[in-house]
Amino acid sequence: MNRHLKLALLGSCLLTVAACAAPNREPDLTTIQTNVDKTREGDFGQFLYNLVEAEDKAQQASDIKANLADAAPYLYTDLPLRQKGVRLSQEALDHRQKAEAAFNRILDPIRARIAYLESLHVPQSVGSQKVSIYFDTGSSKLRAEDKAKLEQAANFLSQYPIAAVEIQGYTDTQGSAGSNKALAARRANAVDAALKKMGVPLASSISIVGVGEQPGAPDNTKDQENRRVDIIVEPHGTYNKGM
């Protein structure tokens, strides 16, 4: 056996021995689930996980809708795919709501602390304020004569930017209850938009509600007093010293 062949065989044997003696350098697969669990734990982890899942499933549902856009639904074309699209869209919404809930849990202690600090600078003698904005029949357009009232509410809100705010829309009882509720919501949103346009720093705790017909009002009755939006401001926010 020549010298070169002997050296080659010796090298091969040494490599085999070294491979057997060396530790396993492959990634430890048992750590995968541990790392995944750590990534998803806590409110922040739940927020990230559900946010990504919501986007992924929403995109899949949108792609299915686009693919079936030209198909006639009454022929039940690709029914399983349609059902999958509906399911994915619902799951996307569920994940979105879970992400929002987790995000709010993250923000809650921050909001509470800010509200507490703000309460220290708001005199206890300063009470809530209510300003009513009135509308013409069937309209959600703001009237010029109510500009001064909007400015009054805006000035008050500017002094107490972390106040709790409720914007409640009402209507008289002409027309159907359903259409009146929608009209009330448009009125409330119009007031909200006007305040924001004026640069008012509305709090995150703002509540916008289209109440609709005033409870207890007689049916089919014109009533200017009920064609309104109430802006209710609590300058001490949600903080309660008794809690």
Protein backbone atom coordinates (compact mmCIF):
# COMPACT_ATOMS: atom_id res chain seq x y z
CA MET A 1 0.00 0.00 0.00
CA ASN A 2 1.55 3.28 -1.04
CA ARG A 3 2.18 6.17 1.30
CA HIS A 4 -0.57 8.46 -0.03
CA LEU A 5 -3.26 5.81 0.30
CA LYS A 6 -2.20 5.08 3.88
CA LEU A 7 -2.46 8.77 4.76
CA ALA A 8 -5.93 9.01 3.20
CA LEU A 9 -7.19 6.01 5.15
CA LEU A 10 -5.71 7.38 8.36
CA GLY A 11 -7.37 10.75 7.81
CA SER A 12 -10.72 9.10 7.18
CA CYS A 13 -10.46 7.10 10.40
CA LEU A 14 -9.55 10.18 12.39
CA LEU A 15 -12.55 12.11 11.02
CA THR A 16 -14.87 9.23 11.90
CA VAL A 17 -13.54 9.09 15.46
CA ALA A 18 -13.79 12.86 15.83
CA ALA A 19 -17.38 12.86 14.57
CA CYS A 20 -18.34 10.23 17.10
CA ALA A 21 -16.62 12.02 19.96
CA ALA A 22 -17.83 15.56 19.15
CA PRO A 23 -21.01 16.85 20.81
CA ASN A 24 -24.18 17.20 18.76
CA ARG A 25 -24.19 20.74 17.35
CA GLU A 26 -27.67 20.53 15.85
CA PRO A 27 -30.18 23.11 17.24
CA ASP A 28 -32.05 21.89 20.30
CA LEU A 29 -35.61 21.56 18.99
CA THR A 30 -37.01 21.30 22.51
CA THR A 31 -36.43 25.03 22.97
CA ILE A 32 -38.77 26.00 20.13
CA GLN A 33 -42.00 25.69 22.10
CA THR A 34 -40.43 27.36 25.13
CA ASN A 35 -39.40 30.36 23.08
CA VAL A 36 -42.79 30.52 21.34
CA ASP A 37 -44.59 30.42 24.69
CA LYS A 38 -42.38 33.20 26.05
CA THR A 39 -43.06 35.27 22.96
CA ARG A 40 -46.81 34.96 23.43
CA GLU A 41 -46.99 35.29 27.20
CA GLY A 42 -48.39 38.35 28.89
CA ASP A 43 -50.61 41.06 27.47
CA PHE A 44 -47.93 42.34 25.11
CA GLY A 45 -47.36 38.86 23.71
CA GLN A 46 -51.10 38.36 23.22
CA PHE A 47 -51.33 41.75 21.53
CA LEU A 48 -48.56 40.88 19.04
CA TYR A 49 -49.80 37.34 18.36
CA ASN A 50 -53.42 38.30 17.77
CA LEU A 51 -52.47 41.34 15.70
CA VAL A 52 -50.40 39.20 13.32
CA GLU A 53 -53.08 36.50 13.17
CA ALA A 54 -55.76 39.09 12.43
CA GLU A 55 -53.79 40.55 9.52
CA ASP A 56 -52.87 37.13 8.12
CA LYS A 57 -56.42 35.77 8.21
CA ALA A 58 -57.90 39.03 6.92
CA GLN A 59 -55.55 38.91 3.94
CA GLN A 60 -56.46 35.29 3.20
CA ALA A 61 -60.17 36.13 3.37
CA SER A 62 -59.65 39.12 1.05
CA ASP A 63 -57.79 36.94 -1.44
CA ILE A 64 -60.64 34.41 -1.46
CA LYS A 65 -63.19 37.17 -1.99
CA ALA A 66 -61.17 38.54 -4.89
CA ASN A 67 -60.90 35.09 -6.49
CA LEU A 68 -64.65 34.52 -6.25
CA ALA A 69 -65.74 38.05 -7.11
CA ASP A 70 -66.97 37.13 -10.59
CA ALA A 71 -68.64 33.84 -9.65
CA ALA A 72 -72.43 33.69 -9.42
CA PRO A 73 -73.33 33.05 -5.76
CA TYR A 74 -76.69 31.46 -6.58
CA LEU A 75 -74.89 28.61 -8.38
CA TYR A 76 -73.07 27.72 -5.13
CA THR A 77 -69.78 27.86 -7.01
CA ASP A 78 -66.83 26.85 -4.85
CA LEU A 79 -69.05 26.66 -1.78
CA PRO A 80 -66.28 25.23 0.49
CA LEU A 81 -64.01 28.10 -0.51
CA ARG A 82 -66.74 30.64 0.22
CA GLN A 83 -67.31 29.08 3.62
CA LYS A 84 -63.57 29.18 4.29
CA GLY A 85 -63.50 32.87 3.41
CA VAL A 86 -66.35 33.64 5.79
CA ARG A 87 -64.67 31.62 8.54
CA LEU A 88 -61.31 33.34 8.03
CA SER A 89 -62.91 36.78 8.07
CA GLN A 90 -64.66 35.99 11.34
CA GLU A 91 -61.46 34.61 12.86
CA ALA A 92 -59.63 37.75 11.72
CA LEU A 93 -62.20 39.90 13.52
CA ASP A 94 -61.95 37.75 16.66
CA HIS A 95 -58.16 38.09 16.70
CA ARG A 96 -58.46 41.82 16.14
CA GLN A 97 -60.79 42.16 19.13
CA LYS A 98 -58.44 40.08 21.29
CA ALA A 99 -55.50 42.25 20.21
CA GLU A 100 -57.45 45.39 21.09
CA ALA A 101 -58.42 43.96 24.48
CA ALA A 102 -54.80 43.09 25.26
CA PHE A 103 -53.66 46.55 24.12
CA ASN A 104 -56.23 48.20 26.39
CA ARG A 105 -55.03 46.09 29.32
CA ILE A 106 -51.53 47.43 28.64
CA LEU A 107 -52.81 51.00 28.54
CA ASP A 108 -55.17 50.80 31.53
CA PRO A 109 -52.56 51.34 34.28
CA ILE A 110 -51.01 54.16 32.24
CA ARG A 111 -54.40 55.81 31.80
CA ALA A 112 -55.16 55.42 35.50
CA ARG A 113 -51.86 57.01 36.46
CA ILE A 114 -52.33 59.92 34.06
CA ALA A 115 -55.90 60.45 35.27
CA TYR A 116 -54.67 60.46 38.86
CA LEU A 117 -51.94 63.01 38.11
CA GLU A 118 -54.40 65.15 36.19
CA SER A 119 -56.87 65.02 39.07
CA LEU A 120 -54.27 66.62 41.31
CA HIS A 121 -54.31 69.69 39.08
CA VAL A 122 -58.09 69.97 38.64
CA PRO A 123 -59.78 71.77 41.55
CA GLN A 124 -62.49 69.68 43.16
CA SER A 125 -64.78 72.68 42.81
CA VAL A 126 -64.73 72.29 39.01
CA GLY A 127 -67.75 70.22 38.14
CA SER A 128 -69.02 68.60 34.97
CA GLN A 129 -70.27 70.68 32.08
CA LYS A 130 -73.02 69.93 29.56
CA VAL A 131 -73.42 71.83 26.29
CA SER A 132 -76.32 71.09 23.93
CA ILE A 133 -76.08 71.62 20.16
CA TYR A 134 -79.37 71.76 18.23
CA PHE A 135 -80.20 70.65 14.68
CA ASP A 136 -82.86 71.26 12.05
CA THR A 137 -85.41 68.54 11.29
CA GLY A 138 -83.83 65.52 9.60
CA SER A 139 -80.41 67.20 9.45
CA SER A 140 -77.01 66.40 10.92
CA LYS A 141 -75.47 69.65 9.64
CA LEU A 142 -74.15 71.99 12.32
CA ARG A 143 -75.84 75.38 12.40
CA ALA A 144 -73.93 78.65 12.39
CA GLU A 145 -75.78 79.89 15.47
CA ASP A 146 -74.35 77.03 17.53
CA LYS A 147 -70.72 77.93 16.81
CA ALA A 148 -70.44 79.84 20.11
CA LYS A 149 -71.63 76.78 22.06
CA LEU A 150 -69.09 74.56 20.32
CA GLU A 151 -66.36 77.05 21.18
CA GLN A 152 -67.55 77.05 24.79
CA ALA A 153 -67.20 73.26 24.98
CA ALA A 154 -63.87 73.39 23.13
CA ASN A 155 -62.42 75.94 25.54
CA PHE A 156 -63.49 73.91 28.56
CA LEU A 157 -62.02 70.71 27.08
CA SER A 158 -58.76 72.45 26.24
CA GLN A 159 -58.29 73.27 29.93
CA TYR A 160 -58.85 69.65 30.98
CA PRO A 161 -57.50 67.42 28.17
CA ILE A 162 -57.90 64.16 30.10
CA ALA A 163 -61.54 64.76 30.92
CA ALA A 164 -64.06 61.98 30.34
CA VAL A 165 -66.31 63.04 27.45
CA GLU A 166 -69.71 61.77 26.32
CA ILE A 167 -71.26 62.96 23.07
CA GLN A 168 -74.90 61.84 22.92
CA GLY A 169 -77.10 62.32 19.84
CA TYR A 170 -80.91 62.60 20.00
CA THR A 171 -83.83 63.10 17.62
CA ASP A 172 -87.52 63.86 17.86
CA THR A 173 -90.00 61.05 17.17
CA GLN A 174 -90.83 61.81 13.54
CA GLY A 175 -89.93 58.89 11.27
CA SER A 176 -88.95 55.37 12.25
CA ALA A 177 -86.96 54.55 15.36
CA GLY A 178 -84.23 52.90 13.26
CA SER A 179 -83.71 55.87 10.95
CA ASN A 180 -83.77 58.22 13.93
CA LYS A 181 -81.07 56.23 15.68
CA ALA A 182 -78.89 56.47 12.56
CA LEU A 183 -79.58 60.22 12.33
CA ALA A 184 -78.67 60.65 15.99
CA ALA A 185 -75.35 58.87 15.38
CA ARG A 186 -74.60 61.15 12.42
CA ARG A 187 -75.30 64.20 14.58
CA ALA A 188 -73.03 62.95 17.38
CA ASN A 189 -70.25 62.18 14.89
CA ALA A 190 -70.65 65.63 13.29
CA VAL A 191 -70.09 67.28 16.67
CA ASP A 192 -67.10 65.03 17.39
CA ALA A 193 -65.57 65.91 14.00
CA ALA A 194 -66.17 69.63 14.57
CA LEU A 195 -64.42 69.56 17.95
CA LYS A 196 -61.45 67.70 16.52
CA LYS A 197 -61.25 70.18 13.64
CA MET A 198 -61.04 72.94 16.24
CA GLY A 199 -57.99 71.21 17.73
CA VAL A 200 -59.66 69.98 20.90
CA PRO A 201 -57.56 67.28 22.63
CA LEU A 202 -60.36 64.76 23.14
CA ALA A 203 -59.60 62.06 25.71
CA SER A 204 -59.22 58.39 24.87
CA SER A 205 -62.19 57.77 27.15
CA ILE A 206 -64.54 59.65 24.81
CA SER A 207 -67.91 57.97 24.24
CA ILE A 208 -69.97 58.77 21.15
CA VAL A 209 -73.53 57.44 21.24
CA GLY A 210 -76.42 57.85 18.85
CA VAL A 211 -79.29 57.44 21.31
CA GLY A 212 -82.02 58.28 18.81
CA GLU A 213 -85.47 59.18 20.07
CA GLN A 214 -85.69 60.66 23.54
CA PRO A 215 -87.07 57.93 25.84
CA GLY A 216 -90.67 58.67 26.81
CA ALA A 217 -91.24 61.28 24.08
CA PRO A 218 -94.68 61.07 22.34
CA ASP A 219 -94.73 59.41 18.92
CA ASN A 220 -94.60 61.35 15.65
CA THR A 221 -93.89 64.65 17.36
CA LYS A 222 -91.73 67.56 16.23
CA ASP A 223 -89.63 68.72 19.15
CA GLN A 224 -86.66 71.05 18.75
CA GLU A 225 -85.44 70.24 22.25
CA ASN A 226 -84.92 66.61 21.27
CA ARG A 227 -83.13 67.38 17.99
CA ARG A 228 -79.83 67.86 19.76
CA VAL A 229 -76.43 66.55 20.75
CA ASP A 230 -75.31 66.78 24.37
CA ILE A 231 -71.59 67.25 25.05
CA ILE A 232 -71.02 66.09 28.63
CA VAL A 233 -67.58 66.72 30.11
CA GLU A 234 -66.33 65.37 33.44
CA PRO A 235 -63.03 67.22 34.05
CA HIS A 236 -61.83 64.73 36.66
CA GLY A 237 -61.89 61.96 34.10
CA THR A 238 -62.49 58.43 35.35
CA TYR A 239 -60.42 58.89 38.51
CA ASN A 240 -62.36 58.48 41.73
CA LYS A 241 -60.63 59.32 45.00
CA GLY A 242 -63.00 57.00 46.83
CA MET A 243 -61.77 53.95 44.93
